[in-house]
């Protein structure tokens, strides 16, 4: 009896130890790869985007979010074998939402900056852009020295929480700056002559000129700054960062990324789908 009891105790203790070891490994893995584990376990990746930055991301008349970045996000989801869930929100809410764990990554024309990179990781760039003006005033686009527009008589608009806002505040500190929640709002302010110009990423300005051909809009021919756009990812998941880096390299190396850029930048047949 004593031998049997001892054997039973040893079996129970061994089972407990093995169980604790297994749970510890699962817990440890979740700590090291918290975001990737959640994505694979739930079968869904949540990508944050503004949904109002054509041709990078935009919302159609039917409420569908399309563009270069949604296409890249869909490719990421397919490669992971999970579903894509696009979460649209104002640009200024994207980083706080990811920090709160409400979304898994951000693809929304977000410039890789040293300040942002202190809080989140970036993969990319997948596109290089730059700042530009959208205006109805020819003399503004013809100015060689941008600082000549730094006047109290000038009214500008810029996207809240963006590098466009930072650029305007730095270069045009004497001008009146109005921040907007979306580029659609900013473009509308230019059209209605409520501001002299919208400071925005170059693709946004060029597409807006094409999108509203009868509104007298114009932009500069070349970007004013260098803006590398990247995928923002929580900094606490090195495996997800590594996976996304390798995926983007494959997308670019295969030529698929170039094809997507051609589709959205050179063949704007999708303009008819917008409101």
Protein backbone atom coordinates (compact mmCIF):
# COMPACT_ATOMS: atom_id res chain seq x y z
CA UNK A 1 0.00 0.00 0.00
CA UNK A 2 2.78 2.38 0.92
CA UNK A 3 4.56 1.70 -2.36
CA UNK A 4 1.35 2.19 -4.35
CA UNK A 5 0.58 5.41 -2.50
CA UNK A 6 4.11 6.70 -3.16
CA UNK A 7 3.80 5.84 -6.84
CA UNK A 8 0.47 7.69 -7.04
CA UNK A 9 1.95 10.76 -5.39
CA UNK A 10 4.88 10.74 -7.83
CA UNK A 11 2.53 10.46 -10.82
CA UNK A 12 0.35 13.32 -9.56
CA UNK A 13 3.38 15.51 -8.88
CA UNK A 14 4.90 14.72 -12.28
CA UNK A 15 1.62 15.58 -14.01
CA UNK A 16 1.47 18.84 -12.08
CA UNK A 17 5.04 19.73 -12.99
CA UNK A 18 4.54 18.91 -16.67
CA UNK A 19 1.30 20.85 -16.71
CA UNK A 20 2.90 23.88 -15.10
CA UNK A 21 5.81 23.63 -17.54
CA UNK A 22 3.42 23.57 -20.51
CA UNK A 23 1.41 26.53 -19.17
CA UNK A 24 4.60 28.43 -18.44
CA UNK A 25 5.77 27.88 -22.01
CA UNK A 26 2.42 29.09 -23.38
CA UNK A 27 2.50 32.11 -21.08
CA UNK A 28 6.10 32.87 -22.01
CA UNK A 29 5.32 32.63 -25.73
CA UNK A 30 2.35 34.98 -25.33
CA UNK A 31 4.58 37.49 -23.56
CA UNK A 32 7.16 37.39 -26.35
CA UNK A 33 4.67 37.40 -29.23
CA UNK A 34 1.50 38.98 -27.78
CA UNK A 35 0.16 40.57 -30.98
CA UNK A 36 1.02 37.76 -33.40
CA UNK A 37 -0.45 35.20 -31.00
CA UNK A 38 -3.69 37.16 -30.78
CA UNK A 39 -3.90 37.42 -34.58
CA UNK A 40 -3.34 33.70 -35.15
CA UNK A 41 -5.60 32.64 -32.28
CA UNK A 42 -8.49 34.88 -33.33
CA UNK A 43 -7.97 34.27 -37.06
CA UNK A 44 -8.20 37.99 -37.72
CA UNK A 45 -5.79 40.90 -38.17
CA UNK A 46 -7.03 44.40 -37.34
CA UNK A 47 -5.41 47.11 -39.47
CA UNK A 48 -6.07 50.76 -38.68
CA UNK A 49 -6.46 53.31 -41.48
CA UNK A 50 -8.04 56.72 -41.99
CA UNK A 51 -10.00 55.61 -45.06
CA UNK A 52 -9.82 59.14 -46.49
CA UNK A 53 -6.37 59.49 -48.06
CA UNK A 54 -6.65 58.64 -51.78
CA UNK A 55 -4.96 56.78 -53.41
CA UNK A 56 -3.42 55.29 -50.25
CA UNK A 57 -6.74 54.53 -48.59
CA UNK A 58 -10.27 55.75 -49.28
CA UNK A 59 -13.91 54.90 -48.73
CA UNK A 60 -16.21 54.29 -51.70
CA UNK A 61 -19.85 55.30 -52.13
CA UNK A 62 -20.76 51.80 -50.93
CA UNK A 63 -18.66 52.10 -47.77
CA UNK A 64 -15.84 49.83 -48.95
CA UNK A 65 -12.29 50.83 -47.99
CA UNK A 66 -9.96 50.54 -50.98
CA UNK A 67 -6.52 51.74 -52.02
CA UNK A 68 -2.85 50.79 -52.05
CA UNK A 69 -2.66 50.19 -48.31
CA UNK A 70 -5.83 48.08 -48.01
CA UNK A 71 -4.44 45.91 -50.83
CA UNK A 72 -1.14 45.45 -48.98
CA UNK A 73 -3.06 44.71 -45.78
CA UNK A 74 -5.15 42.09 -47.60
CA UNK A 75 -1.97 40.46 -48.92
CA UNK A 76 -0.58 40.35 -45.36
CA UNK A 77 -3.78 38.73 -44.06
CA UNK A 78 -3.78 36.16 -46.87
CA UNK A 79 -0.14 35.26 -46.20
CA UNK A 80 -0.94 34.77 -42.51
CA UNK A 81 -4.03 32.72 -43.32
CA UNK A 82 -6.34 35.05 -41.39
CA UNK A 83 -9.17 37.46 -42.16
CA UNK A 84 -8.57 41.18 -42.63
CA UNK A 85 -10.55 43.67 -40.57
CA UNK A 86 -9.98 47.30 -41.55
CA UNK A 87 -10.68 49.74 -38.73
CA UNK A 88 -11.27 53.29 -40.01
CA UNK A 89 -10.82 56.27 -37.71
CA UNK A 90 -9.40 59.82 -37.75
CA UNK A 91 -5.65 59.82 -38.36
CA UNK A 92 -4.91 61.34 -34.96
CA UNK A 93 -6.59 58.37 -33.22
CA UNK A 94 -4.59 55.63 -34.95
CA UNK A 95 -1.48 55.52 -32.75
CA UNK A 96 -3.44 55.78 -29.47
CA UNK A 97 -5.72 52.96 -30.65
CA UNK A 98 -2.74 50.69 -31.37
CA UNK A 99 -1.15 51.54 -28.04
CA UNK A 100 -4.43 50.53 -26.35
CA UNK A 101 -4.45 47.20 -28.23
CA UNK A 102 -7.55 48.01 -30.29
CA UNK A 103 -5.71 47.44 -33.60
CA UNK A 104 -2.70 45.30 -34.53
CA UNK A 105 -0.96 47.57 -37.03
CA UNK A 106 -1.41 50.84 -38.92
CA UNK A 107 -1.29 51.49 -42.66
CA UNK A 108 -2.44 55.02 -43.33
CA UNK A 109 0.14 57.17 -45.05
CA UNK A 110 2.10 57.32 -41.80
CA UNK A 111 5.55 58.84 -42.10
CA UNK A 112 8.36 57.06 -40.29
CA UNK A 113 9.71 59.65 -37.86
CA UNK A 114 12.21 59.34 -35.03
CA UNK A 115 9.62 60.64 -32.55
CA UNK A 116 7.00 58.05 -33.51
CA UNK A 117 9.65 55.35 -33.68
CA UNK A 118 10.40 55.85 -29.98
CA UNK A 119 6.91 54.49 -29.21
CA UNK A 120 6.20 52.03 -32.04
CA UNK A 121 8.13 49.95 -34.56
CA UNK A 122 8.01 50.64 -38.29
CA UNK A 123 8.42 48.31 -41.24
CA UNK A 124 9.21 49.87 -44.59
CA UNK A 125 9.11 52.21 -46.28
CA UNK A 126 6.73 50.79 -48.87
CA UNK A 127 6.34 54.23 -50.45
CA UNK A 128 8.29 57.49 -50.45
CA UNK A 129 6.28 60.70 -50.46
CA UNK A 130 6.72 64.33 -49.43
CA UNK A 131 4.83 67.44 -48.46
CA UNK A 132 3.02 69.57 -51.03
CA UNK A 133 0.38 72.29 -51.33
CA UNK A 134 -3.14 71.97 -52.60
CA UNK A 135 -4.44 75.41 -53.51
CA UNK A 136 -6.46 77.43 -56.00
CA UNK A 137 -3.91 80.25 -56.05
CA UNK A 138 -1.35 80.02 -58.84
CA UNK A 139 1.17 82.29 -57.12
CA UNK A 140 1.44 79.89 -54.18
CA UNK A 141 2.54 76.94 -56.32
CA UNK A 142 4.90 79.20 -58.28
CA UNK A 143 6.83 80.33 -55.19
CA UNK A 144 10.37 78.92 -55.04
CA UNK A 145 11.03 79.89 -51.42
CA UNK A 146 8.29 78.36 -49.26
CA UNK A 147 9.12 80.70 -46.36
CA UNK A 148 7.65 83.61 -48.33
CA UNK A 149 4.26 82.12 -47.48
CA UNK A 150 5.01 82.47 -43.78
CA UNK A 151 2.70 85.43 -43.34
CA UNK A 152 -0.12 86.32 -40.99
CA UNK A 153 -2.27 86.89 -44.09
CA UNK A 154 -2.05 83.21 -45.05
CA UNK A 155 -4.57 80.62 -43.83
CA UNK A 156 -3.53 76.97 -44.02
CA UNK A 157 -5.11 73.61 -43.23
CA UNK A 158 -3.33 70.41 -42.21
CA UNK A 159 -4.33 66.96 -40.97
CA UNK A 160 -4.43 66.77 -37.18
CA UNK A 161 -1.61 64.73 -35.65
CA UNK A 162 0.26 64.42 -38.95
CA UNK A 163 3.72 65.45 -40.12
CA UNK A 164 1.87 67.93 -42.35
CA UNK A 165 0.76 69.73 -39.19
CA UNK A 166 4.31 69.66 -37.84
CA UNK A 167 5.68 70.96 -41.15
CA UNK A 168 3.16 73.81 -41.24
CA UNK A 169 3.79 74.77 -37.61
CA UNK A 170 7.55 74.83 -38.19
CA UNK A 171 7.81 76.46 -41.62
CA UNK A 172 4.72 78.67 -41.48
CA UNK A 173 4.64 79.68 -37.83
CA UNK A 174 3.25 83.13 -38.66
CA UNK A 175 0.39 81.80 -40.76
CA UNK A 176 -3.00 80.83 -39.35
CA UNK A 177 -3.19 77.04 -39.18
CA UNK A 178 -6.45 75.09 -38.98
CA UNK A 179 -6.24 71.35 -38.27
CA UNK A 180 -8.74 68.95 -39.82
CA UNK A 181 -9.82 65.40 -38.96
CA UNK A 182 -9.62 64.17 -42.56
CA UNK A 183 -8.15 65.17 -45.91
CA UNK A 184 -11.67 65.31 -47.35
CA UNK A 185 -12.40 68.11 -44.90
CA UNK A 186 -9.19 69.93 -45.81
CA UNK A 187 -9.76 69.64 -49.57
CA UNK A 188 -13.29 70.98 -49.11
CA UNK A 189 -11.93 73.99 -47.23
CA UNK A 190 -9.64 74.80 -50.16
CA UNK A 191 -12.50 74.44 -52.64
CA UNK A 192 -14.71 76.74 -50.53
CA UNK A 193 -11.88 79.31 -50.23
CA UNK A 194 -11.87 78.97 -46.44
CA UNK A 195 -8.08 78.53 -46.50
CA UNK A 196 -5.42 79.51 -49.00
CA UNK A 197 -3.86 76.04 -49.10
CA UNK A 198 -3.89 72.55 -47.64
CA UNK A 199 -0.54 71.11 -46.59
CA UNK A 200 -0.65 67.39 -47.35
CA UNK A 201 1.29 64.46 -48.76
CA UNK A 202 2.12 64.83 -52.44
CA UNK A 203 -0.09 61.94 -53.71
CA UNK A 204 -3.10 63.40 -51.87
CA UNK A 205 -2.63 66.79 -53.52
CA UNK A 206 -2.11 65.39 -57.03
CA UNK A 207 -5.09 63.03 -56.84
CA UNK A 208 -7.29 65.85 -55.51
CA UNK A 209 -6.47 67.93 -58.60
CA UNK A 210 -7.48 65.01 -60.81
CA UNK A 211 -10.51 64.15 -58.68
CA UNK A 212 -12.02 67.66 -58.87
CA UNK A 213 -11.03 68.92 -62.35
CA UNK A 214 -13.56 71.76 -62.39
CA UNK A 215 -12.61 73.32 -59.03
CA UNK A 216 -9.46 75.12 -60.15
CA UNK A 217 -7.18 73.15 -57.85
CA UNK A 218 -3.44 73.00 -58.38
CA UNK A 219 -0.35 71.65 -56.66
CA UNK A 220 3.45 71.74 -56.86
CA UNK A 221 5.31 69.61 -59.41
CA UNK A 222 7.68 67.98 -56.93
CA UNK A 223 7.45 67.21 -53.19
CA UNK A 224 8.90 69.74 -50.77
CA UNK A 225 10.19 67.16 -48.26
CA UNK A 226 11.22 63.52 -47.93
CA UNK A 227 8.53 61.34 -46.29
CA UNK A 228 9.12 57.56 -46.00
CA UNK A 229 5.78 55.82 -45.33
CA UNK A 230 5.79 52.66 -43.25
CA UNK A 231 3.68 50.07 -41.46
CA UNK A 232 3.40 50.93 -37.75
CA UNK A 233 3.52 47.88 -35.44
CA UNK A 234 3.56 47.54 -31.62
CA UNK A 235 7.17 47.53 -30.45
CA UNK A 236 6.66 44.61 -28.05
CA UNK A 237 6.34 41.87 -30.67
CA UNK A 238 9.67 41.21 -32.45
CA UNK A 239 8.32 38.13 -34.25
CA UNK A 240 5.50 40.12 -35.89
CA UNK A 241 7.96 42.86 -36.84
CA UNK A 242 10.36 40.30 -38.36
CA UNK A 243 7.54 38.52 -40.21
CA UNK A 244 6.23 41.78 -41.68
CA UNK A 245 9.72 42.89 -42.73
CA UNK A 246 10.28 39.65 -44.61
CA UNK A 247 6.82 39.76 -46.16
CA UNK A 248 7.31 43.32 -47.44
CA UNK A 249 10.71 42.37 -48.89
CA UNK A 250 9.06 39.48 -50.75
CA UNK A 251 6.23 41.69 -51.97
CA UNK A 252 8.72 44.19 -53.35
CA UNK A 253 11.15 41.62 -54.72
CA UNK A 254 8.42 39.75 -56.60
CA UNK A 255 7.26 42.91 -58.35
CA UNK A 256 3.81 42.69 -56.72
CA UNK A 257 4.28 45.97 -54.84
CA UNK A 258 5.17 47.77 -58.06
CA UNK A 259 2.02 46.38 -59.71
CA UNK A 260 -0.11 47.67 -56.85
CA UNK A 261 1.43 51.13 -57.12
CA UNK A 262 0.76 51.16 -60.85
CA UNK A 263 -2.86 50.18 -60.26
CA UNK A 264 -3.58 52.93 -57.76
CA UNK A 265 -1.32 55.73 -58.98
CA UNK A 266 -1.31 55.41 -62.75
CA UNK A 267 -4.79 54.04 -63.52
CA UNK A 268 -7.24 56.13 -61.48
CA UNK A 269 -10.35 54.42 -62.86
CA UNK A 270 -11.34 53.92 -59.20
CA UNK A 271 -12.17 57.64 -58.92
CA UNK A 272 -15.71 56.88 -60.09
CA UNK A 273 -16.25 54.79 -56.97
CA UNK A 274 -15.66 57.72 -54.61
CA UNK A 275 -18.47 59.93 -53.26
